[in-house]
Amino acid sequence: MSPRIGLDRAALLQAATEMADAHGLESVTLASLAQRLKIRSPSLYNHVNGLPDLRRELALSGLVKMAESFESVLAETSGDEALRAMSRAYLSFARQHPGLYEAVQRAPDPEDRVLRDAGGRVVGLIVRTIQTYGLQGDTAIHAVRGIRSLLHGFVTIERQGGFGMPLDLDITFRLLVETFIAGIKTLREQAEAER
C-alpha cells in the first residue's frame, strides 16, 4: 500500500466516525481504520497516538457535535419547549451518530481537562435548561440526573432493539418527555411550598 495523499487528522477522524456510526465503536481498530483508508497501520501514528487516543478524539468530536446541536435548538426556545427541543436533539444525535454516542458515554480520564470540559459543556446546557424551571440545589441536580437517565435509557433500549411492539417510538418518546415536564412542574410546586 502506498501512502494516501491528503490524509490528515480530520480525514482520519471522519473515516473513524463513519465506521463507528455504521458498525459500532468496537469496530474501530487501528487495523480496520488503516484498511478502510488503504494505508498501513503504522501510518496512523502520524495522526494519533494509538487506539485510546483515536477513541478519545471520537468522544471529543461527539461531545462537540452534541453541544452544538443543543445550543442551536436552545437559542430558539425557552421553557417547556426548550426541554422538548433539547430532548429531541439528544435523540436525533444518538440516532444519527450511534458510534459517537457510544464514545461519549465512556467516562473521561480525570486528568483530561479538554474532554472533561467538553462533557461539562453538554451537561451545563442540560443544567441551564432545567434551571429555567426555578429548581435549585439538590432538587435541580436530581432533575438533571432524571432527564439524562430518561434520555439515555430510551436511546439504549431503542438501539438494542428492546421496543418490540409495533407502536410509534417517537410518540412514546414524546410522552416520556411530557411526563417528565409534568414531574418537573410538580417538583417546582413542592419546592415553592416548602419555602
N, C-alpha and C. Protein backbone atom coordinates (compact mmCIF):
# COMPACT_ATOMS: atom_id res chain seq x y z
N MET A 1 0.84 -1.19 0.00
CA MET A 1 0.00 0.00 0.00
C MET A 1 0.88 1.24 0.00
N SER A 2 0.53 2.17 -0.82
CA SER A 2 1.29 3.42 -0.85
C SER A 2 0.62 4.45 0.05
N PRO A 3 1.37 5.45 0.53
CA PRO A 3 0.79 6.46 1.41
C PRO A 3 -0.36 7.18 0.70
N ARG A 4 -1.35 7.48 1.46
CA ARG A 4 -2.51 8.16 0.89
C ARG A 4 -2.31 9.67 0.96
N ILE A 5 -2.30 10.29 -0.20
CA ILE A 5 -2.11 11.73 -0.28
C ILE A 5 -3.36 12.42 0.25
N GLY A 6 -3.14 13.46 1.06
CA GLY A 6 -4.26 14.22 1.58
C GLY A 6 -4.82 13.70 2.88
N LEU A 7 -4.24 12.63 3.41
CA LEU A 7 -4.73 12.11 4.68
C LEU A 7 -4.24 13.00 5.81
N ASP A 8 -5.16 13.50 6.58
CA ASP A 8 -4.81 14.28 7.76
C ASP A 8 -5.68 13.81 8.92
N ARG A 9 -5.49 14.42 10.06
CA ARG A 9 -6.22 14.00 11.27
C ARG A 9 -7.74 14.13 11.07
N ALA A 10 -8.18 15.18 10.40
CA ALA A 10 -9.61 15.38 10.18
C ALA A 10 -10.20 14.28 9.29
N ALA A 11 -9.49 13.92 8.23
CA ALA A 11 -9.97 12.86 7.33
C ALA A 11 -9.98 11.51 8.06
N LEU A 12 -8.96 11.28 8.86
CA LEU A 12 -8.88 10.05 9.64
C LEU A 12 -10.05 9.97 10.63
N LEU A 13 -10.32 11.08 11.30
CA LEU A 13 -11.42 11.11 12.27
C LEU A 13 -12.77 10.93 11.57
N GLN A 14 -12.93 11.51 10.40
CA GLN A 14 -14.17 11.34 9.64
C GLN A 14 -14.40 9.88 9.28
N ALA A 15 -13.34 9.22 8.81
CA ALA A 15 -13.45 7.80 8.46
C ALA A 15 -13.77 6.96 9.69
N ALA A 16 -13.12 7.26 10.81
CA ALA A 16 -13.38 6.52 12.05
C ALA A 16 -14.82 6.75 12.53
N THR A 17 -15.30 7.98 12.38
CA THR A 17 -16.68 8.30 12.77
C THR A 17 -17.67 7.51 11.93
N GLU A 18 -17.44 7.48 10.64
CA GLU A 18 -18.34 6.72 9.74
C GLU A 18 -18.35 5.25 10.10
N MET A 19 -17.18 4.70 10.41
CA MET A 19 -17.10 3.29 10.81
C MET A 19 -17.86 3.05 12.11
N ALA A 20 -17.62 3.93 13.09
CA ALA A 20 -18.27 3.76 14.40
C ALA A 20 -19.78 3.87 14.26
N ASP A 21 -20.24 4.85 13.49
CA ASP A 21 -21.68 5.04 13.33
C ASP A 21 -22.33 3.89 12.57
N ALA A 22 -21.59 3.31 11.64
CA ALA A 22 -22.15 2.21 10.84
C ALA A 22 -22.08 0.86 11.55
N HIS A 23 -21.00 0.64 12.31
CA HIS A 23 -20.77 -0.71 12.84
C HIS A 23 -20.51 -0.77 14.35
N GLY A 24 -20.56 0.36 15.03
CA GLY A 24 -20.31 0.39 16.47
C GLY A 24 -18.89 0.80 16.78
N LEU A 25 -18.70 1.37 17.95
CA LEU A 25 -17.40 1.87 18.36
C LEU A 25 -16.34 0.77 18.39
N GLU A 26 -16.72 -0.42 18.81
CA GLU A 26 -15.74 -1.51 18.91
C GLU A 26 -15.20 -1.94 17.56
N SER A 27 -15.91 -1.59 16.48
CA SER A 27 -15.43 -1.96 15.14
C SER A 27 -14.25 -1.10 14.72
N VAL A 28 -14.04 0.01 15.41
CA VAL A 28 -12.96 0.93 15.05
C VAL A 28 -11.68 0.48 15.76
N THR A 29 -10.82 -0.14 14.99
CA THR A 29 -9.49 -0.51 15.47
C THR A 29 -8.49 0.16 14.52
N LEU A 30 -7.25 0.19 14.91
CA LEU A 30 -6.25 0.77 14.02
C LEU A 30 -6.15 -0.04 12.73
N ALA A 31 -6.24 -1.35 12.85
CA ALA A 31 -6.14 -2.20 11.65
C ALA A 31 -7.33 -1.98 10.72
N SER A 32 -8.54 -1.94 11.27
CA SER A 32 -9.72 -1.75 10.41
C SER A 32 -9.74 -0.35 9.79
N LEU A 33 -9.29 0.65 10.54
CA LEU A 33 -9.24 2.01 10.01
C LEU A 33 -8.19 2.12 8.91
N ALA A 34 -7.04 1.52 9.13
CA ALA A 34 -5.99 1.54 8.11
C ALA A 34 -6.47 0.85 6.83
N GLN A 35 -7.17 -0.27 7.00
CA GLN A 35 -7.70 -0.99 5.84
C GLN A 35 -8.70 -0.11 5.08
N ARG A 36 -9.58 0.57 5.80
CA ARG A 36 -10.57 1.44 5.15
C ARG A 36 -9.88 2.58 4.40
N LEU A 37 -8.81 3.11 4.99
CA LEU A 37 -8.10 4.23 4.38
C LEU A 37 -7.06 3.79 3.35
N LYS A 38 -6.90 2.47 3.23
CA LYS A 38 -5.93 1.89 2.29
C LYS A 38 -4.51 2.37 2.58
N ILE A 39 -4.16 2.29 3.87
CA ILE A 39 -2.81 2.63 4.31
C ILE A 39 -2.33 1.53 5.26
N ARG A 40 -1.07 1.59 5.61
CA ARG A 40 -0.54 0.66 6.61
C ARG A 40 -0.85 1.21 8.00
N SER A 41 -1.13 0.31 8.93
CA SER A 41 -1.46 0.72 10.31
C SER A 41 -0.44 1.67 10.93
N PRO A 42 0.87 1.43 10.76
CA PRO A 42 1.83 2.35 11.38
C PRO A 42 1.69 3.80 10.90
N SER A 43 1.15 4.00 9.71
CA SER A 43 0.96 5.37 9.20
C SER A 43 -0.03 6.16 10.04
N LEU A 44 -0.92 5.46 10.73
CA LEU A 44 -1.90 6.15 11.58
C LEU A 44 -1.23 6.88 12.73
N TYR A 45 -0.05 6.39 13.13
CA TYR A 45 0.64 7.01 14.26
C TYR A 45 1.19 8.39 13.92
N ASN A 46 1.12 8.77 12.65
CA ASN A 46 1.45 10.14 12.27
C ASN A 46 0.35 11.10 12.70
N HIS A 47 -0.84 10.54 13.03
CA HIS A 47 -2.01 11.37 13.33
C HIS A 47 -2.61 11.13 14.71
N VAL A 48 -2.46 9.91 15.23
CA VAL A 48 -2.99 9.58 16.56
C VAL A 48 -1.98 8.74 17.31
N ASN A 49 -2.06 8.80 18.62
CA ASN A 49 -1.15 8.03 19.48
C ASN A 49 -1.81 6.73 19.92
N GLY A 50 -2.26 5.95 18.97
CA GLY A 50 -2.84 4.66 19.28
C GLY A 50 -4.36 4.70 19.38
N LEU A 51 -4.92 3.53 19.65
CA LEU A 51 -6.37 3.39 19.71
C LEU A 51 -7.01 4.22 20.83
N PRO A 52 -6.44 4.27 22.04
CA PRO A 52 -7.06 5.11 23.07
C PRO A 52 -7.16 6.58 22.65
N ASP A 53 -6.14 7.09 21.97
CA ASP A 53 -6.18 8.48 21.50
C ASP A 53 -7.25 8.65 20.43
N LEU A 54 -7.37 7.70 19.53
CA LEU A 54 -8.40 7.76 18.49
C LEU A 54 -9.80 7.77 19.12
N ARG A 55 -10.02 6.89 20.10
CA ARG A 55 -11.34 6.85 20.75
C ARG A 55 -11.61 8.13 21.54
N ARG A 56 -10.55 8.70 22.12
CA ARG A 56 -10.70 9.98 22.82
C ARG A 56 -11.14 11.05 21.83
N GLU A 57 -10.53 11.05 20.66
CA GLU A 57 -10.89 12.04 19.63
C GLU A 57 -12.33 11.86 19.16
N LEU A 58 -12.77 10.60 19.06
CA LEU A 58 -14.17 10.34 18.70
C LEU A 58 -15.10 10.87 19.78
N ALA A 59 -14.75 10.64 21.04
CA ALA A 59 -15.57 11.14 22.15
C ALA A 59 -15.62 12.66 22.13
N LEU A 60 -14.48 13.29 21.94
CA LEU A 60 -14.43 14.75 21.90
C LEU A 60 -15.27 15.29 20.75
N SER A 61 -15.15 14.69 19.59
CA SER A 61 -15.94 15.11 18.44
C SER A 61 -17.43 14.95 18.72
N GLY A 62 -17.80 13.83 19.33
CA GLY A 62 -19.20 13.60 19.67
C GLY A 62 -19.73 14.62 20.65
N LEU A 63 -18.96 14.93 21.67
CA LEU A 63 -19.41 15.91 22.66
C LEU A 63 -19.56 17.30 22.05
N VAL A 64 -18.65 17.66 21.16
CA VAL A 64 -18.74 18.97 20.49
C VAL A 64 -20.00 19.01 19.62
N LYS A 65 -20.23 17.96 18.84
CA LYS A 65 -21.42 17.92 17.97
C LYS A 65 -22.70 17.96 18.81
N MET A 66 -22.71 17.22 19.90
CA MET A 66 -23.90 17.20 20.76
C MET A 66 -24.15 18.58 21.35
N ALA A 67 -23.12 19.21 21.87
CA ALA A 67 -23.27 20.54 22.46
C ALA A 67 -23.75 21.54 21.42
N GLU A 68 -23.20 21.47 20.22
CA GLU A 68 -23.62 22.39 19.17
C GLU A 68 -25.08 22.20 18.80
N SER A 69 -25.53 20.95 18.77
CA SER A 69 -26.94 20.71 18.44
C SER A 69 -27.85 21.23 19.55
N PHE A 70 -27.43 21.06 20.82
CA PHE A 70 -28.21 21.60 21.93
C PHE A 70 -28.25 23.12 21.87
N GLU A 71 -27.10 23.74 21.65
CA GLU A 71 -27.03 25.20 21.61
C GLU A 71 -27.91 25.76 20.50
N SER A 72 -27.93 25.06 19.38
CA SER A 72 -28.74 25.51 18.24
C SER A 72 -30.23 25.54 18.59
N VAL A 73 -30.73 24.47 19.19
CA VAL A 73 -32.16 24.43 19.49
C VAL A 73 -32.51 25.28 20.71
N LEU A 74 -31.60 25.40 21.65
CA LEU A 74 -31.89 26.18 22.86
C LEU A 74 -31.86 27.68 22.58
N ALA A 75 -31.15 28.08 21.54
CA ALA A 75 -31.11 29.51 21.19
C ALA A 75 -32.45 30.01 20.69
N GLU A 76 -33.27 29.08 20.22
CA GLU A 76 -34.55 29.46 19.61
C GLU A 76 -35.76 29.14 20.48
N THR A 77 -35.53 28.60 21.68
CA THR A 77 -36.66 28.16 22.50
C THR A 77 -36.46 28.56 23.96
N SER A 78 -37.52 28.40 24.73
CA SER A 78 -37.43 28.61 26.18
C SER A 78 -38.51 27.78 26.86
N GLY A 79 -38.38 27.65 28.19
CA GLY A 79 -39.38 26.94 28.97
C GLY A 79 -39.54 25.49 28.55
N ASP A 80 -40.80 25.04 28.54
CA ASP A 80 -41.10 23.65 28.19
C ASP A 80 -40.57 23.29 26.81
N GLU A 81 -40.71 24.23 25.87
CA GLU A 81 -40.27 23.94 24.51
C GLU A 81 -38.76 23.74 24.45
N ALA A 82 -38.00 24.41 25.31
CA ALA A 82 -36.56 24.21 25.35
C ALA A 82 -36.23 22.79 25.77
N LEU A 83 -36.91 22.30 26.79
CA LEU A 83 -36.67 20.93 27.25
C LEU A 83 -37.08 19.93 26.19
N ARG A 84 -38.20 20.18 25.54
CA ARG A 84 -38.63 19.29 24.45
C ARG A 84 -37.60 19.29 23.31
N ALA A 85 -37.16 20.49 22.91
CA ALA A 85 -36.23 20.61 21.80
C ALA A 85 -34.89 19.97 22.13
N MET A 86 -34.40 20.18 23.34
CA MET A 86 -33.14 19.58 23.73
C MET A 86 -33.26 18.05 23.75
N SER A 87 -34.38 17.55 24.23
CA SER A 87 -34.60 16.10 24.26
C SER A 87 -34.64 15.52 22.86
N ARG A 88 -35.31 16.21 21.95
CA ARG A 88 -35.34 15.75 20.56
C ARG A 88 -33.95 15.80 19.94
N ALA A 89 -33.18 16.84 20.25
CA ALA A 89 -31.82 16.96 19.73
C ALA A 89 -30.95 15.80 20.24
N TYR A 90 -31.13 15.43 21.50
CA TYR A 90 -30.39 14.32 22.09
C TYR A 90 -30.70 13.03 21.33
N LEU A 91 -31.99 12.76 21.13
CA LEU A 91 -32.40 11.55 20.44
C LEU A 91 -31.91 11.56 18.99
N SER A 92 -32.02 12.70 18.35
CA SER A 92 -31.58 12.82 16.96
C SER A 92 -30.08 12.56 16.84
N PHE A 93 -29.30 13.13 17.76
CA PHE A 93 -27.86 12.90 17.74
C PHE A 93 -27.56 11.41 17.90
N ALA A 94 -28.21 10.77 18.86
CA ALA A 94 -27.95 9.34 19.11
C ALA A 94 -28.35 8.48 17.91
N ARG A 95 -29.42 8.87 17.22
CA ARG A 95 -29.85 8.11 16.04
C ARG A 95 -28.93 8.34 14.85
N GLN A 96 -28.49 9.57 14.66
CA GLN A 96 -27.64 9.89 13.51
C GLN A 96 -26.19 9.45 13.71
N HIS A 97 -25.75 9.46 14.96
CA HIS A 97 -24.35 9.14 15.27
C HIS A 97 -24.25 8.10 16.39
N PRO A 98 -24.74 6.89 16.14
CA PRO A 98 -24.71 5.90 17.23
C PRO A 98 -23.31 5.56 17.73
N GLY A 99 -22.33 5.59 16.84
CA GLY A 99 -20.96 5.31 17.26
C GLY A 99 -20.38 6.43 18.11
N LEU A 100 -20.61 7.67 17.71
CA LEU A 100 -20.16 8.80 18.52
C LEU A 100 -20.91 8.83 19.84
N TYR A 101 -22.19 8.50 19.80
CA TYR A 101 -22.97 8.47 21.04
C TYR A 101 -22.35 7.47 22.01
N GLU A 102 -21.98 6.33 21.49
CA GLU A 102 -21.34 5.31 22.32
C GLU A 102 -20.02 5.84 22.89
N ALA A 103 -19.28 6.57 22.07
CA ALA A 103 -17.98 7.10 22.51
C ALA A 103 -18.14 8.12 23.64
N VAL A 104 -19.17 8.94 23.60
CA VAL A 104 -19.32 9.98 24.63
C VAL A 104 -19.80 9.41 25.96
N GLN A 105 -20.26 8.18 25.97
CA GLN A 105 -20.75 7.59 27.21
C GLN A 105 -19.63 7.09 28.12
N ARG A 106 -18.44 6.98 27.59
CA ARG A 106 -17.32 6.49 28.40
C ARG A 106 -16.79 7.62 29.28
N ALA A 107 -16.54 7.30 30.53
CA ALA A 107 -16.04 8.31 31.47
C ALA A 107 -14.64 8.74 31.04
N PRO A 108 -14.41 10.06 31.00
CA PRO A 108 -13.08 10.53 30.60
C PRO A 108 -12.06 10.34 31.71
N ASP A 109 -10.81 10.30 31.31
CA ASP A 109 -9.70 10.30 32.26
C ASP A 109 -9.81 11.59 33.08
N PRO A 110 -9.80 11.49 34.41
CA PRO A 110 -9.93 12.71 35.23
C PRO A 110 -8.86 13.76 34.94
N GLU A 111 -7.74 13.34 34.36
CA GLU A 111 -6.66 14.27 34.03
C GLU A 111 -6.86 14.96 32.68
N ASP A 112 -7.84 14.47 31.90
CA ASP A 112 -8.06 15.00 30.56
C ASP A 112 -9.02 16.19 30.63
N ARG A 113 -8.45 17.36 30.82
CA ARG A 113 -9.25 18.56 31.02
C ARG A 113 -10.09 18.93 29.79
N VAL A 114 -9.53 18.74 28.62
CA VAL A 114 -10.26 19.10 27.39
C VAL A 114 -11.52 18.26 27.25
N LEU A 115 -11.39 16.95 27.45
CA LEU A 115 -12.54 16.06 27.35
C LEU A 115 -13.53 16.33 28.48
N ARG A 116 -13.02 16.56 29.68
CA ARG A 116 -13.90 16.89 30.82
C ARG A 116 -14.68 18.17 30.55
N ASP A 117 -14.01 19.18 30.01
CA ASP A 117 -14.68 20.45 29.71
C ASP A 117 -15.73 20.28 28.62
N ALA A 118 -15.44 19.45 27.62
CA ALA A 118 -16.42 19.20 26.56
C ALA A 118 -17.66 18.51 27.12
N GLY A 119 -17.45 17.54 28.01
CA GLY A 119 -18.59 16.89 28.66
C GLY A 119 -19.33 17.86 29.56
N GLY A 120 -18.58 18.71 30.24
CA GLY A 120 -19.19 19.73 31.10
C GLY A 120 -20.04 20.71 30.32
N ARG A 121 -19.63 20.99 29.09
CA ARG A 121 -20.42 21.89 28.23
C ARG A 121 -21.79 21.28 27.95
N VAL A 122 -21.83 19.99 27.63
CA VAL A 122 -23.09 19.31 27.36
C VAL A 122 -23.96 19.29 28.61
N VAL A 123 -23.37 18.87 29.73
CA VAL A 123 -24.13 18.81 30.98
C VAL A 123 -24.59 20.20 31.39
N GLY A 124 -23.74 21.21 31.18
CA GLY A 124 -24.11 22.57 31.52
C GLY A 124 -25.34 23.05 30.77
N LEU A 125 -25.47 22.64 29.52
CA LEU A 125 -26.66 23.02 28.74
C LEU A 125 -27.91 22.34 29.29
N ILE A 126 -27.76 21.11 29.73
CA ILE A 126 -28.90 20.41 30.34
C ILE A 126 -29.27 21.10 31.65
N VAL A 127 -28.26 21.43 32.45
CA VAL A 127 -28.50 22.11 33.73
C VAL A 127 -29.21 23.44 33.49
N ARG A 128 -28.71 24.20 32.52
CA ARG A 128 -29.32 25.50 32.23
C ARG A 128 -30.79 25.35 31.83
N THR A 129 -31.09 24.33 31.07
CA THR A 129 -32.47 24.09 30.65
C THR A 129 -33.35 23.75 31.85
N ILE A 130 -32.84 22.93 32.75
CA ILE A 130 -33.60 22.55 33.95
C ILE A 130 -33.75 23.75 34.89
N GLN A 131 -32.74 24.60 34.96
CA GLN A 131 -32.81 25.74 35.87
C GLN A 131 -33.90 26.74 35.50
N THR A 132 -34.33 26.71 34.24
CA THR A 132 -35.42 27.62 33.85
C THR A 132 -36.71 27.30 34.60
N TYR A 133 -36.76 26.13 35.21
CA TYR A 133 -37.94 25.76 36.00
C TYR A 133 -37.86 26.26 37.43
N GLY A 134 -36.79 26.94 37.75
CA GLY A 134 -36.66 27.51 39.09
C GLY A 134 -36.22 26.53 40.15
N LEU A 135 -35.76 25.36 39.73
CA LEU A 135 -35.27 24.38 40.70
C LEU A 135 -33.87 24.76 41.13
N GLN A 136 -33.56 24.49 42.39
CA GLN A 136 -32.25 24.86 42.92
C GLN A 136 -31.68 23.72 43.75
N GLY A 137 -30.38 23.80 44.00
CA GLY A 137 -29.71 22.86 44.89
C GLY A 137 -29.86 21.42 44.47
N ASP A 138 -30.07 20.56 45.47
CA ASP A 138 -30.17 19.13 45.23
C ASP A 138 -31.32 18.78 44.29
N THR A 139 -32.43 19.51 44.40
CA THR A 139 -33.59 19.23 43.55
C THR A 139 -33.23 19.41 42.08
N ALA A 140 -32.47 20.44 41.77
CA ALA A 140 -32.04 20.67 40.39
C ALA A 140 -31.13 19.54 39.92
N ILE A 141 -30.22 19.11 40.78
CA ILE A 141 -29.31 18.01 40.42
C ILE A 141 -30.09 16.73 40.16
N HIS A 142 -31.06 16.44 41.02
CA HIS A 142 -31.88 15.24 40.81
C HIS A 142 -32.64 15.32 39.48
N ALA A 143 -33.14 16.51 39.15
CA ALA A 143 -33.87 16.68 37.90
C ALA A 143 -32.95 16.49 36.69
N VAL A 144 -31.73 17.02 36.77
CA VAL A 144 -30.78 16.84 35.67
C VAL A 144 -30.45 15.35 35.51
N ARG A 145 -30.21 14.68 36.62
CA ARG A 145 -29.95 13.24 36.55
C ARG A 145 -31.14 12.51 35.95
N GLY A 146 -32.33 12.96 36.32
CA GLY A 146 -33.55 12.32 35.82
C GLY A 146 -33.69 12.41 34.32
N ILE A 147 -33.50 13.62 33.77
CA ILE A 147 -33.66 13.76 32.31
C ILE A 147 -32.55 13.03 31.58
N ARG A 148 -31.34 13.07 32.10
CA ARG A 148 -30.26 12.32 31.45
C ARG A 148 -30.55 10.83 31.46
N SER A 149 -31.06 10.31 32.57
CA SER A 149 -31.39 8.89 32.66
C SER A 149 -32.51 8.52 31.71
N LEU A 150 -33.52 9.37 31.64
CA LEU A 150 -34.65 9.11 30.75
C LEU A 150 -34.18 9.06 29.30
N LEU A 151 -33.40 10.06 28.89
CA LEU A 151 -32.95 10.13 27.50
C LEU A 151 -32.01 8.97 27.16
N HIS A 152 -31.03 8.73 28.03
CA HIS A 152 -30.08 7.65 27.76
C HIS A 152 -30.78 6.29 27.79
N GLY A 153 -31.69 6.11 28.72
CA GLY A 153 -32.42 4.84 28.80
C GLY A 153 -33.21 4.57 27.53
N PHE A 154 -33.92 5.57 27.04
CA PHE A 154 -34.70 5.39 25.82
C PHE A 154 -33.78 5.06 24.65
N VAL A 155 -32.72 5.84 24.50
CA VAL A 155 -31.78 5.63 23.39
C VAL A 155 -31.19 4.21 23.46
N THR A 156 -30.80 3.79 24.64
CA THR A 156 -30.18 2.47 24.80
C THR A 156 -31.14 1.35 24.46
N ILE A 157 -32.35 1.43 24.97
CA ILE A 157 -33.34 0.38 24.67
C ILE A 157 -33.65 0.36 23.18
N GLU A 158 -33.80 1.53 22.58
CA GLU A 158 -34.08 1.59 21.14
C GLU A 158 -32.93 0.98 20.35
N ARG A 159 -31.68 1.34 20.68
CA ARG A 159 -30.50 0.83 19.95
C ARG A 159 -30.38 -0.68 20.07
N GLN A 160 -30.79 -1.22 21.20
CA GLN A 160 -30.68 -2.66 21.41
C GLN A 160 -31.88 -3.43 20.87
N GLY A 161 -32.82 -2.71 20.25
CA GLY A 161 -34.00 -3.37 19.68
C GLY A 161 -34.97 -3.85 20.74
N GLY A 162 -34.97 -3.19 21.89
CA GLY A 162 -35.80 -3.63 23.01
C GLY A 162 -37.26 -3.23 22.94
N PHE A 163 -37.61 -2.36 22.00
CA PHE A 163 -39.01 -1.97 21.85
C PHE A 163 -39.61 -2.81 20.73
N GLY A 164 -40.20 -3.94 21.09
CA GLY A 164 -40.66 -4.88 20.09
C GLY A 164 -42.06 -4.66 19.57
N MET A 165 -42.89 -3.94 20.31
CA MET A 165 -44.27 -3.75 19.88
C MET A 165 -44.34 -2.74 18.74
N PRO A 166 -45.26 -2.96 17.81
CA PRO A 166 -45.34 -2.08 16.64
C PRO A 166 -46.07 -0.76 16.94
N LEU A 167 -45.52 0.00 17.85
CA LEU A 167 -46.06 1.33 18.16
C LEU A 167 -45.00 2.36 17.80
N ASP A 168 -45.43 3.55 17.42
CA ASP A 168 -44.52 4.62 17.00
C ASP A 168 -43.63 5.03 18.17
N LEU A 169 -42.32 4.85 18.01
CA LEU A 169 -41.38 5.17 19.07
C LEU A 169 -41.30 6.67 19.34
N ASP A 170 -41.52 7.48 18.32
CA ASP A 170 -41.49 8.93 18.52
C ASP A 170 -42.64 9.39 19.43
N ILE A 171 -43.77 8.72 19.33
CA ILE A 171 -44.89 9.05 20.23
C ILE A 171 -44.53 8.65 21.65
N THR A 172 -43.95 7.47 21.81
CA THR A 172 -43.51 7.04 23.14
C THR A 172 -42.53 8.03 23.73
N PHE A 173 -41.57 8.47 22.91
CA PHE A 173 -40.57 9.42 23.37
C PHE A 173 -41.22 10.73 23.80
N ARG A 174 -42.13 11.21 22.98
CA ARG A 174 -42.81 12.47 23.31
C ARG A 174 -43.58 12.35 24.62
N LEU A 175 -44.26 11.23 24.83
CA LEU A 175 -45.00 11.00 26.08
C LEU A 175 -44.06 10.98 27.29
N LEU A 176 -42.90 10.36 27.13
CA LEU A 176 -41.92 10.33 28.23
C LEU A 176 -41.47 11.75 28.60
N VAL A 177 -41.15 12.53 27.59
CA VAL A 177 -40.68 13.90 27.85
C VAL A 177 -41.80 14.73 28.48
N GLU A 178 -43.02 14.58 27.98
CA GLU A 178 -44.14 15.33 28.56
C GLU A 178 -44.39 14.93 30.02
N THR A 179 -44.25 13.64 30.30
CA THR A 179 -44.41 13.18 31.68
C THR A 179 -43.32 13.77 32.56
N PHE A 180 -42.11 13.83 32.05
CA PHE A 180 -41.01 14.42 32.80
C PHE A 180 -41.28 15.90 33.06
N ILE A 181 -41.75 16.62 32.06
CA ILE A 181 -42.06 18.04 32.23
C ILE A 181 -43.12 18.23 33.31
N ALA A 182 -44.14 17.39 33.28
CA ALA A 182 -45.18 17.48 34.33
C ALA A 182 -44.57 17.21 35.71
N GLY A 183 -43.66 16.27 35.78
CA GLY A 183 -42.99 15.96 37.05
C GLY A 183 -42.12 17.11 37.53
N ILE A 184 -41.43 17.77 36.63
CA ILE A 184 -40.60 18.92 36.98
C ILE A 184 -41.46 20.03 37.58
N LYS A 185 -42.62 20.23 36.97
CA LYS A 185 -43.51 21.28 37.47
C LYS A 185 -44.02 20.93 38.87
N THR A 186 -44.26 19.65 39.10
CA THR A 186 -44.68 19.22 40.44
C THR A 186 -43.55 19.44 41.45
N LEU A 187 -42.31 19.12 41.06
CA LEU A 187 -41.16 19.37 41.93
C LEU A 187 -41.04 20.85 42.27
N ARG A 188 -41.25 21.68 41.26
CA ARG A 188 -41.16 23.13 41.48
C ARG A 188 -42.23 23.59 42.47
N GLU A 189 -43.45 23.08 42.30
CA GLU A 189 -44.54 23.46 43.21
C GLU A 189 -44.23 23.01 44.64
N GLN A 190 -43.68 21.82 44.78
CA GLN A 190 -43.33 21.31 46.11
C GLN A 190 -42.23 22.16 46.74
N ALA A 191 -41.23 22.52 45.94
CA ALA A 191 -40.13 23.33 46.45
C ALA A 191 -40.64 24.71 46.87
N GLU A 192 -41.55 25.28 46.10
CA GLU A 192 -42.11 26.59 46.44
C GLU A 192 -42.94 26.52 47.72
N ALA A 193 -43.67 25.42 47.90
CA ALA A 193 -44.49 25.26 49.09
C ALA A 193 -43.64 25.11 50.35
N GLU A 194 -42.43 24.56 50.21
CA GLU A 194 -41.55 24.34 51.35
C GLU A 194 -40.77 25.59 51.74
N ARG A 195 -40.79 26.61 50.90
CA ARG A 195 -40.04 27.83 51.21
C ARG A 195 -40.76 28.68 52.22
